[in-house]
C-alpha atoms as a PDB file:
ATOM      1  CA  MET A   1      10.726 -14.789 -18.472  1.00  0.00           C
ATOM      2  CA  SER A   2      13.885 -14.063 -16.634  1.00  0.00           C
ATOM      3  CA  VAL A   3      14.114 -14.015 -12.822  1.00  0.00           C
ATOM      4  CA  ASP A   4      14.925 -10.397 -12.743  1.00  0.00           C
ATOM      5  CA  ALA A   5      11.533  -9.638 -14.627  1.00  0.00           C
ATOM      6  CA  ILE A   6       9.822 -11.913 -12.255  1.00  0.00           C
ATOM      7  CA  LEU A   7      11.115 -10.038  -9.354  1.00  0.00           C
ATOM      8  CA  ALA A   8      10.400  -6.659 -10.849  1.00  0.00           C
ATOM      9  CA  LEU A   9       6.686  -7.783 -11.328  1.00  0.00           C
ATOM     10  CA  GLN A  10       6.424  -8.882  -7.624  1.00  0.00           C
ATOM     11  CA  GLU A  11       7.818  -5.666  -6.357  1.00  0.00           C
ATOM     12  CA  VAL A  12       5.256  -3.701  -8.361  1.00  0.00           C
ATOM     13  CA  ALA A  13       2.293  -5.972  -7.293  1.00  0.00           C
ATOM     14  CA  GLY A  14       3.408  -5.669  -3.646  1.00  0.00           C
ATOM     15  CA  PRO A  15       2.454  -2.031  -2.944  1.00  0.00           C
ATOM     16  CA  LEU A  16      -0.555  -2.347  -5.209  1.00  0.00           C
ATOM     17  CA  GLU A  17      -1.782  -5.476  -3.151  1.00  0.00           C
ATOM     18  CA  ARG A  18      -1.023  -3.736   0.128  1.00  0.00           C
ATOM     19  CA  ARG A  19      -3.022  -0.708  -1.001  1.00  0.00           C
ATOM     20  CA  ARG A  20      -5.899  -2.864  -2.147  1.00  0.00           C
ATOM     21  CA  ARG A  21      -6.005  -4.684   1.307  1.00  0.00           C
ATOM     22  CA  ALA A  22      -5.876  -1.366   3.217  1.00  0.00           C
ATOM     23  CA  VAL A  23      -8.794   0.016   1.168  1.00  0.00           C
ATOM     24  CA  GLY A  24     -10.631  -3.352   1.898  1.00  0.00           C
ATOM     25  CA  ARG A  25     -10.005  -2.786   5.714  1.00  0.00           C
ATOM     26  CA  ALA A  26     -11.019   0.815   5.525  1.00  0.00           C
ATOM     27  CA  ASP A  27     -14.223  -0.137   3.814  1.00  0.00           C
ATOM     28  CA  LYS A  28     -15.040  -2.560   6.528  1.00  0.00           C
ATOM     29  CA  ILE A  29     -14.450   0.113   9.186  1.00  0.00           C
ATOM     30  CA  LEU A  30     -16.693   2.454   7.280  1.00  0.00           C
ATOM     31  CA  ASP A  31     -19.386  -0.104   7.093  1.00  0.00           C
ATOM     32  CA  VAL A  32     -19.136  -0.736  10.814  1.00  0.00           C
ATOM     33  CA  LEU A  33     -19.333   2.985  11.455  1.00  0.00           C
ATOM     34  CA  GLU A  34     -22.255   3.243   9.307  1.00  0.00           C
ATOM     35  CA  ASP A  35     -24.055   0.465  11.068  1.00  0.00           C
ATOM     36  CA  LEU A  36     -23.318   2.073  14.118  1.00  0.00           C
ATOM     37  CA  LYS A  37     -24.563   5.331  13.265  1.00  0.00           C
ATOM     38  CA  VAL A  38     -27.898   3.877  12.301  1.00  0.00           C
ATOM     39  CA  GLY A  39     -28.073   1.994  15.570  1.00  0.00           C
ATOM     40  CA  LEU A  40     -27.376   5.278  17.461  1.00  0.00           C
ATOM     41  CA  LEU A  41     -29.803   7.251  15.531  1.00  0.00           C
ATOM     42  CA  SER A  42     -32.535   4.547  15.993  1.00  0.00           C
ATOM     43  CA  GLY A  43     -31.557   4.091  19.763  1.00  0.00           C
ATOM     44  CA  GLU A  44     -30.570   0.526  19.157  1.00  0.00           C
ATOM     45  CA  ALA A  45     -26.815   0.685  19.269  1.00  0.00           C
ATOM     46  CA  SER A  46     -25.312  -2.335  21.073  1.00  0.00           C
ATOM     47  CA  ILE A  47     -22.170  -3.303  22.647  1.00  0.00           C
ATOM     48  CA  ASP A  48     -21.576  -5.892  20.055  1.00  0.00           C
ATOM     49  CA  ASP A  49     -21.916  -3.121  17.446  1.00  0.00           C
ATOM     50  CA  LEU A  50     -19.184  -1.135  19.312  1.00  0.00           C
ATOM     51  CA  ASP A  51     -17.144  -4.301  20.060  1.00  0.00           C
ATOM     52  CA  ARG A  52     -17.222  -4.953  16.225  1.00  0.00           C
ATOM     53  CA  LEU A  53     -15.875  -1.453  15.472  1.00  0.00           C
ATOM     54  CA  ARG A  54     -12.959  -2.025  18.095  1.00  0.00           C
ATOM     55  CA  ARG A  55     -12.007  -5.288  16.361  1.00  0.00           C
ATOM     56  CA  ALA A  56     -12.173  -3.548  13.033  1.00  0.00           C
ATOM     57  CA  VAL A  57      -9.824  -0.741  14.286  1.00  0.00           C
ATOM     58  CA  ARG A  58      -7.373  -3.305  15.756  1.00  0.00           C
ATOM     59  CA  ASP A  59      -7.287  -5.125  12.501  1.00  0.00           C
ATOM     60  CA  GLU A  60      -6.412  -1.996  10.785  1.00  0.00           C
ATOM     61  CA  ARG A  61      -3.701  -1.143  13.214  1.00  0.00           C
ATOM     62  CA  LEU A  62      -1.738  -4.269  12.427  1.00  0.00           C
ATOM     63  CA  GLY A  63      -1.545  -3.143   8.803  1.00  0.00           C
ATOM     64  CA  THR A  64      -0.333   0.393   9.074  1.00  0.00           C
ATOM     65  CA  ASP A  65       2.635   2.484   9.994  1.00  0.00           C
ATOM     66  CA  ASP A  66       1.068   5.916   9.115  1.00  0.00           C
ATOM     67  CA  GLU A  67       1.042   8.228  12.218  1.00  0.00           C
ATOM     68  CA  GLN A  68      -2.084  10.355  11.094  1.00  0.00           C
ATOM     69  CA  LEU A  69      -3.809   7.017  10.545  1.00  0.00           C
ATOM     70  CA  GLU A  70      -2.708   5.799  13.981  1.00  0.00           C
ATOM     71  CA  GLY A  71      -4.113   8.957  15.654  1.00  0.00           C
ATOM     72  CA  VAL A  72      -7.479   8.591  14.021  1.00  0.00           C
ATOM     73  CA  LEU A  73      -7.657   4.795  14.888  1.00  0.00           C
ATOM     74  CA  ASN A  74      -6.739   5.746  18.505  1.00  0.00           C
ATOM     75  CA  GLU A  75      -9.675   8.371  18.617  1.00  0.00           C
ATOM     76  CA  ILE A  76     -12.148   5.837  17.372  1.00  0.00           C
ATOM     77  CA  GLU A  77     -10.936   3.060  19.464  1.00  0.00           C
ATOM     78  CA  THR A  78     -11.095   5.423  22.572  1.00  0.00           C
ATOM     79  CA  ARG A  79     -14.679   6.791  21.686  1.00  0.00           C
ATOM     80  CA  ALA A  80     -15.848   3.021  21.320  1.00  0.00           C
ATOM     81  CA  ALA A  81     -14.404   2.128  24.724  1.00  0.00           C
ATOM     82  CA  VAL A  82     -16.205   5.073  26.261  1.00  0.00           C
ATOM     83  CA  GLU A  83     -19.480   4.226  24.573  1.00  0.00           C
ATOM     84  CA  ILE A  84     -19.117   0.472  25.649  1.00  0.00           C
ATOM     85  CA  ALA A  85     -18.517   1.597  29.154  1.00  0.00           C
ATOM     86  CA  LYS A  86     -21.673   3.879  29.068  1.00  0.00           C
ATOM     87  CA  LEU A  87     -23.796   1.059  27.758  1.00  0.00           C
ATOM     88  CA  GLU A  88     -22.427  -1.486  30.374  1.00  0.00           C
ATOM     89  CA  SER A  89     -23.208   1.225  33.218  1.00  0.00           C
ATOM     90  CA  ALA A  90     -26.694   1.672  31.722  1.00  0.00           C
ATOM     91  CA  ASN A  91     -27.452  -2.138  31.742  1.00  0.00           C
ATOM     92  CA  ARG A  92     -26.188  -2.663  35.282  1.00  0.00           C
ATOM     93  CA  ALA A  93     -28.333   0.269  36.400  1.00  0.00           C
ATOM     94  CA  ALA A  94     -31.311  -1.177  34.661  1.00  0.00           C
END
């Protein structure tokens, strides 16, 4: 196989691999959101659950250059920070 053919294959695999990784990170965020939803509905959401969400969003942010996705990630991260503050405040009051 020639060097040109190998380079061409690497270029094709590059975007596909990036997409595969992005889908994996998105699945991780969705799993964390699902766990958080269950915790909120059962009244058992914890600061750890919200912190997991913030970390997952932060990890995804490192791998994107999409402005719309950045906006969604900003909203999720802000909401998680607000909920963490509420739980911490409630814990201090208790």
